[in-house]
Amino acid sequence: MYRQIADALKAAIDAGQYGPGDRLPGENPLAAEHGVAAMTARQALRTLASEGVAESRKGAGFFVIAPFTPIRRRGVARLAREQWAGGASIFSADDSRDLTAESSVLGAVTPPPEIAGVLQLEAGDHAFARSRRHIVEGRPVLLSTSYLPLALVEGTAITEVDTGPGGIYARLADLGFAPAHFREEIQVRMASDDERAALNLSGSTPVMKICRTAYTDEGRAVEVNDMTLDSQAYILEYDFDA
C-alpha cells in the first residue's frame, strides 16, 4: 500500500498538482484518504524522499524537490592525459552545466592511516590536503579531499587556492611526477551526519564513496582523492575498449 500511495503522489506531482517547493499532504491526511495506518503513509513519503522526489524538513513535513538531471561522470575520459595536460579541468568532461566549487586549502595534515600507507609516508610525515564542495544548479553534489605528500608539493602551485590550468595533475607533471595510472575504488553506504549536512541529504539517501589514487610511471602514488557523492545526483559512466 505504501508503494501505491507513493505512486499516486508522484502522479499528482507529474500532473502539476504539486510543484517544486509545495508541501505534500501529511501522513495523517494520507492515512485517512487511503484507509491505512499512519506508519504506512509515512513510509510512502519516505519513499519519495529516498527517490529524490521530495525532501523532509524537520517539523514541517515533506516538500516537492525541483527535478534534477543526474550528472554523467565519465570515469575514463575525465582522467585522460590530454584532458588535464591541455589545461582543462577534469570535471569539464563530465557535464556541460556550470559547476561552482568551494575550495579550501587545509595545509599540512596527518592523513588517515590507510591514506598514509598508500602514499608511503613514514610515521610523523605529513600530507598536504585540499578540499572542495561542488555545487551544480544550486545543489551540493560532491565533497572531496585530496592528499599529496607534503615533501613533494610544499612551496609549489599545488598548495595555492588556484592551482592553475589543468589543476593538480598538470602541476604534478610540471614537477616531473605526471600521473600515468589511476585506480578508483567505489563503495555505497549511508551518509554520516556531517555528510548529510554538507550535501543537504535526507536521512534515507545513501552516498557513493570514491577513493582515487594517482600513480606515476614508476608506480609511485602521488595523490589520493577521497570523494563523497550524492548518489541521486550522479551516473557513473566507464567507456573503454575490451
Protein backbone atom coordinates (compact mmCIF):
# COMPACT_ATOMS: atom_id res chain seq x y z
CA MET A 1 0.00 0.00 0.00
CA TYR A 2 2.80 2.46 0.75
CA ARG A 3 4.09 1.94 -2.81
CA GLN A 4 0.64 2.66 -4.23
CA ILE A 5 0.38 5.86 -2.19
CA ALA A 6 3.85 6.95 -3.28
CA ASP A 7 2.96 6.29 -6.93
CA ALA A 8 -0.27 8.27 -6.56
CA LEU A 9 1.65 11.22 -5.14
CA LYS A 10 4.21 11.01 -7.94
CA ALA A 11 1.39 11.02 -10.50
CA ALA A 12 -0.07 14.13 -8.84
CA ILE A 13 3.36 15.81 -9.00
CA ASP A 14 3.78 14.87 -12.68
CA ALA A 15 0.31 16.29 -13.39
CA GLY A 16 1.28 19.60 -11.82
CA GLN A 17 -0.94 19.30 -8.77
CA TYR A 18 2.16 19.82 -6.64
CA GLY A 19 5.12 21.87 -7.85
CA PRO A 20 8.68 22.36 -6.59
CA GLY A 21 8.60 23.72 -3.05
CA ASP A 22 4.99 22.67 -2.40
CA ARG A 23 4.19 20.79 0.77
CA LEU A 24 2.77 17.29 0.29
CA PRO A 25 -0.16 16.05 2.39
CA GLY A 26 0.92 14.87 5.83
CA GLU A 27 0.85 11.26 6.98
CA ASN A 28 -2.46 11.60 8.87
CA PRO A 29 -4.44 13.05 5.94
CA LEU A 30 -2.88 10.45 3.61
CA ALA A 31 -3.70 7.64 6.04
CA ALA A 32 -7.32 8.78 6.25
CA GLU A 33 -7.62 9.19 2.48
CA HIS A 34 -6.25 5.72 1.69
CA GLY A 35 -7.57 3.87 4.73
CA VAL A 36 -4.15 2.81 6.03
CA ALA A 37 -2.14 3.25 9.20
CA ALA A 38 -0.16 6.45 9.65
CA MET A 39 3.04 4.38 9.56
CA THR A 40 2.18 3.18 6.04
CA ALA A 41 1.56 6.74 4.86
CA ARG A 42 4.85 7.82 6.47
CA GLN A 43 6.67 5.07 4.58
CA ALA A 44 5.17 6.35 1.32
CA LEU A 45 6.50 9.84 2.00
CA ARG A 46 9.90 8.48 2.95
CA THR A 47 9.95 6.50 -0.29
CA LEU A 48 9.53 9.73 -2.26
CA ALA A 49 12.39 11.24 -0.26
CA SER A 50 14.64 8.24 -0.96
CA GLU A 51 13.88 8.58 -4.69
CA GLY A 52 14.78 12.27 -4.75
CA VAL A 53 11.23 13.41 -5.43
CA ALA A 54 10.65 15.09 -2.06
CA GLU A 55 12.61 16.20 0.97
CA SER A 56 11.77 16.10 4.65
CA ARG A 57 12.01 19.32 6.63
CA LYS A 58 12.12 18.80 10.35
CA GLY A 59 8.85 19.78 11.97
CA ALA A 60 7.36 20.98 8.66
CA GLY A 61 6.64 17.86 6.58
CA PHE A 62 7.64 16.71 3.10
CA PHE A 63 8.15 19.11 0.19
CA VAL A 64 8.49 18.54 -3.56
CA ILE A 65 12.01 18.93 -4.94
CA ALA A 66 12.72 20.51 -8.32
CA PRO A 67 13.72 17.84 -10.88
CA PHE A 68 17.47 17.35 -11.23
CA THR A 69 19.10 15.61 -14.19
CA PRO A 70 21.90 13.39 -12.83
CA ILE A 71 25.46 14.33 -13.70
CA ARG A 72 27.10 11.80 -16.00
CA ARG A 73 30.55 11.24 -14.50
CA ARG A 74 32.76 9.97 -17.34
CA GLY A 75 35.27 7.97 -15.35
CA VAL A 76 37.75 7.31 -18.17
CA ALA A 77 37.57 10.46 -20.32
CA ARG A 78 37.90 12.83 -17.37
CA LEU A 79 41.29 11.39 -16.34
CA ALA A 80 42.81 11.15 -19.83
CA ARG A 81 46.18 12.89 -20.07
CA GLU A 82 45.02 15.16 -22.91
CA GLN A 83 42.24 16.47 -20.65
CA TRP A 84 44.35 17.93 -17.84
CA ALA A 85 47.57 18.33 -19.84
CA GLY A 86 45.64 20.60 -22.20
CA GLY A 87 44.71 22.86 -19.31
CA ALA A 88 41.10 21.70 -18.90
CA SER A 89 39.52 20.78 -15.59
CA ILE A 90 38.80 17.07 -15.31
CA PHE A 91 35.24 17.99 -14.28
CA SER A 92 34.61 19.63 -17.67
CA ALA A 93 34.50 16.13 -19.18
CA ASP A 94 31.50 15.22 -17.05
CA ASP A 95 28.77 17.73 -17.75
CA SER A 96 28.13 20.94 -19.64
CA ARG A 97 26.34 22.56 -16.70
CA ASP A 98 28.05 25.25 -14.67
CA LEU A 99 29.91 23.95 -11.64
CA THR A 100 30.62 26.02 -8.56
CA ALA A 101 33.48 24.76 -6.41
CA GLU A 102 34.01 25.90 -2.84
CA SER A 103 37.72 25.24 -2.29
CA SER A 104 39.67 25.16 0.96
CA VAL A 105 43.41 24.68 1.42
CA LEU A 106 43.79 22.56 4.54
CA GLY A 107 47.60 22.64 4.51
CA ALA A 108 49.81 20.13 6.31
CA VAL A 109 47.74 17.39 7.95
CA THR A 110 48.16 13.95 9.45
CA PRO A 111 46.28 11.81 6.92
CA PRO A 112 44.14 8.79 7.82
CA PRO A 113 46.40 5.74 8.31
CA GLU A 114 45.15 3.97 5.17
CA ILE A 115 45.94 7.01 3.03
CA ALA A 116 49.35 7.48 4.65
CA GLY A 117 50.06 3.86 3.77
CA VAL A 118 49.12 4.33 0.11
CA LEU A 119 51.30 7.46 -0.13
CA GLN A 120 54.12 5.54 1.60
CA LEU A 121 54.54 8.18 4.29
CA GLU A 122 56.72 7.40 7.27
CA ALA A 123 55.48 7.81 10.85
CA GLY A 124 55.27 11.52 11.60
CA ASP A 125 55.27 12.55 7.94
CA HIS A 126 52.55 14.96 6.87
CA ALA A 127 50.41 15.15 3.77
CA PHE A 128 49.24 18.31 2.08
CA ALA A 129 45.43 18.39 1.83
CA ARG A 130 42.88 20.49 0.00
CA SER A 131 39.11 20.07 -0.06
CA ARG A 132 36.21 21.03 -2.31
CA ARG A 133 32.43 21.07 -2.27
CA HIS A 134 30.88 21.02 -5.72
CA ILE A 135 27.53 22.68 -6.35
CA VAL A 136 25.51 22.26 -9.56
CA GLU A 137 22.29 24.22 -10.16
CA GLY A 138 22.32 25.26 -6.51
CA ARG A 139 22.56 21.64 -5.32
CA PRO A 140 25.62 20.36 -3.41
CA VAL A 141 26.60 17.14 -5.16
CA LEU A 142 30.15 16.20 -4.15
CA LEU A 143 32.67 16.55 -1.33
CA SER A 144 36.31 15.78 -1.99
CA THR A 145 39.62 15.91 -0.15
CA SER A 146 42.94 15.42 -1.95
CA TYR A 147 46.04 14.23 -0.08
CA LEU A 148 49.55 14.56 -1.52
CA PRO A 149 53.00 14.00 0.09
CA LEU A 150 53.88 17.33 1.72
CA ALA A 151 57.58 16.92 0.95
CA LEU A 152 56.74 16.60 -2.76
CA VAL A 153 54.45 19.63 -3.17
CA GLU A 154 55.47 22.09 -0.44
CA GLY A 155 56.17 25.54 -1.89
CA THR A 156 54.63 24.71 -5.30
CA ALA A 157 51.48 25.95 -7.05
CA ILE A 158 49.68 22.84 -5.77
CA THR A 159 49.50 24.47 -2.36
CA GLU A 160 47.77 27.59 -3.75
CA VAL A 161 44.00 28.08 -3.79
CA ASP A 162 44.13 28.30 -7.60
CA THR A 163 46.46 25.63 -8.93
CA GLY A 164 46.26 26.93 -12.49
CA PRO A 165 45.19 25.38 -15.83
CA GLY A 166 44.84 21.61 -15.66
CA GLY A 167 44.76 21.57 -11.88
CA ILE A 168 46.78 19.32 -9.59
CA TYR A 169 47.67 16.75 -12.25
CA ALA A 170 49.14 19.33 -14.62
CA ARG A 171 51.20 20.77 -11.75
CA LEU A 172 52.44 17.31 -10.78
CA ALA A 173 53.54 16.89 -14.40
CA ASP A 174 55.44 20.20 -14.15
CA LEU A 175 57.31 18.70 -11.18
CA GLY A 176 58.17 15.55 -13.13
CA PHE A 177 55.58 13.37 -11.40
CA ALA A 178 52.86 13.20 -14.03
CA PRO A 179 50.06 10.73 -13.26
CA ALA A 180 50.26 7.77 -15.63
CA HIS A 181 47.80 5.38 -13.99
CA PHE A 182 44.71 5.76 -11.82
CA ARG A 183 42.80 3.39 -9.57
CA GLU A 184 39.31 4.11 -8.27
CA GLU A 185 37.56 2.16 -5.53
CA ILE A 186 33.79 2.65 -5.14
CA GLN A 187 31.63 1.91 -2.12
CA VAL A 188 27.98 2.76 -1.38
CA ARG A 189 26.89 3.40 2.20
CA MET A 190 24.58 5.58 4.24
CA ALA A 191 25.74 9.15 4.79
CA SER A 192 27.22 10.34 8.07
CA ASP A 193 25.64 13.28 9.87
CA ASP A 194 28.33 15.63 8.58
CA GLU A 195 27.90 14.39 5.01
CA ARG A 196 24.13 14.78 5.18
CA ALA A 197 24.53 18.36 6.38
CA ALA A 198 27.13 19.29 3.75
CA LEU A 199 25.18 17.72 0.87
CA ASN A 200 21.69 18.62 2.12
CA LEU A 201 20.65 14.97 2.06
CA SER A 202 17.62 13.33 3.60
CA GLY A 203 18.30 10.66 6.21
CA SER A 204 17.45 7.86 3.77
CA THR A 205 19.74 8.94 0.90
CA PRO A 206 22.96 6.90 0.55
CA VAL A 207 26.24 8.29 -0.73
CA MET A 208 28.82 6.88 -3.11
CA LYS A 209 32.37 6.89 -1.79
CA ILE A 210 35.07 7.01 -4.46
CA CYS A 211 38.71 6.80 -3.49
CA ARG A 212 41.07 7.56 -6.39
CA THR A 213 44.82 7.09 -6.35
CA ALA A 214 47.11 8.65 -8.96
CA TYR A 215 50.38 6.84 -9.79
CA THR A 216 53.44 7.86 -11.78
CA ASP A 217 55.02 5.68 -14.47
CA GLU A 218 57.30 4.29 -11.76
CA GLY A 219 54.30 3.23 -9.68
CA ARG A 220 54.64 5.93 -7.02
CA ALA A 221 51.36 7.10 -5.51
CA VAL A 222 51.35 10.91 -5.64
CA GLU A 223 47.74 11.72 -4.76
CA VAL A 224 44.79 10.13 -3.01
CA ASN A 225 41.42 11.80 -3.55
CA ASP A 226 38.67 10.82 -1.11
CA MET A 227 35.26 11.74 -2.58
CA THR A 228 31.70 11.60 -1.30
CA LEU A 229 28.95 11.84 -3.94
CA ASP A 230 25.21 12.33 -3.57
CA SER A 231 24.11 9.00 -5.07
CA GLN A 232 20.98 10.54 -6.60
CA ALA A 233 22.97 13.26 -8.37
CA TYR A 234 25.36 11.04 -10.36
CA ILE A 235 25.52 8.36 -13.03
CA LEU A 236 28.94 6.69 -13.18
CA GLU A 237 29.98 6.00 -16.77
CA TYR A 238 33.03 3.94 -17.75
CA ASP A 239 33.65 3.66 -21.50
CA PHE A 240 36.69 1.60 -22.50
CA ASP A 241 37.85 -0.91 -25.08
CA ALA A 242 37.85 -4.65 -24.48
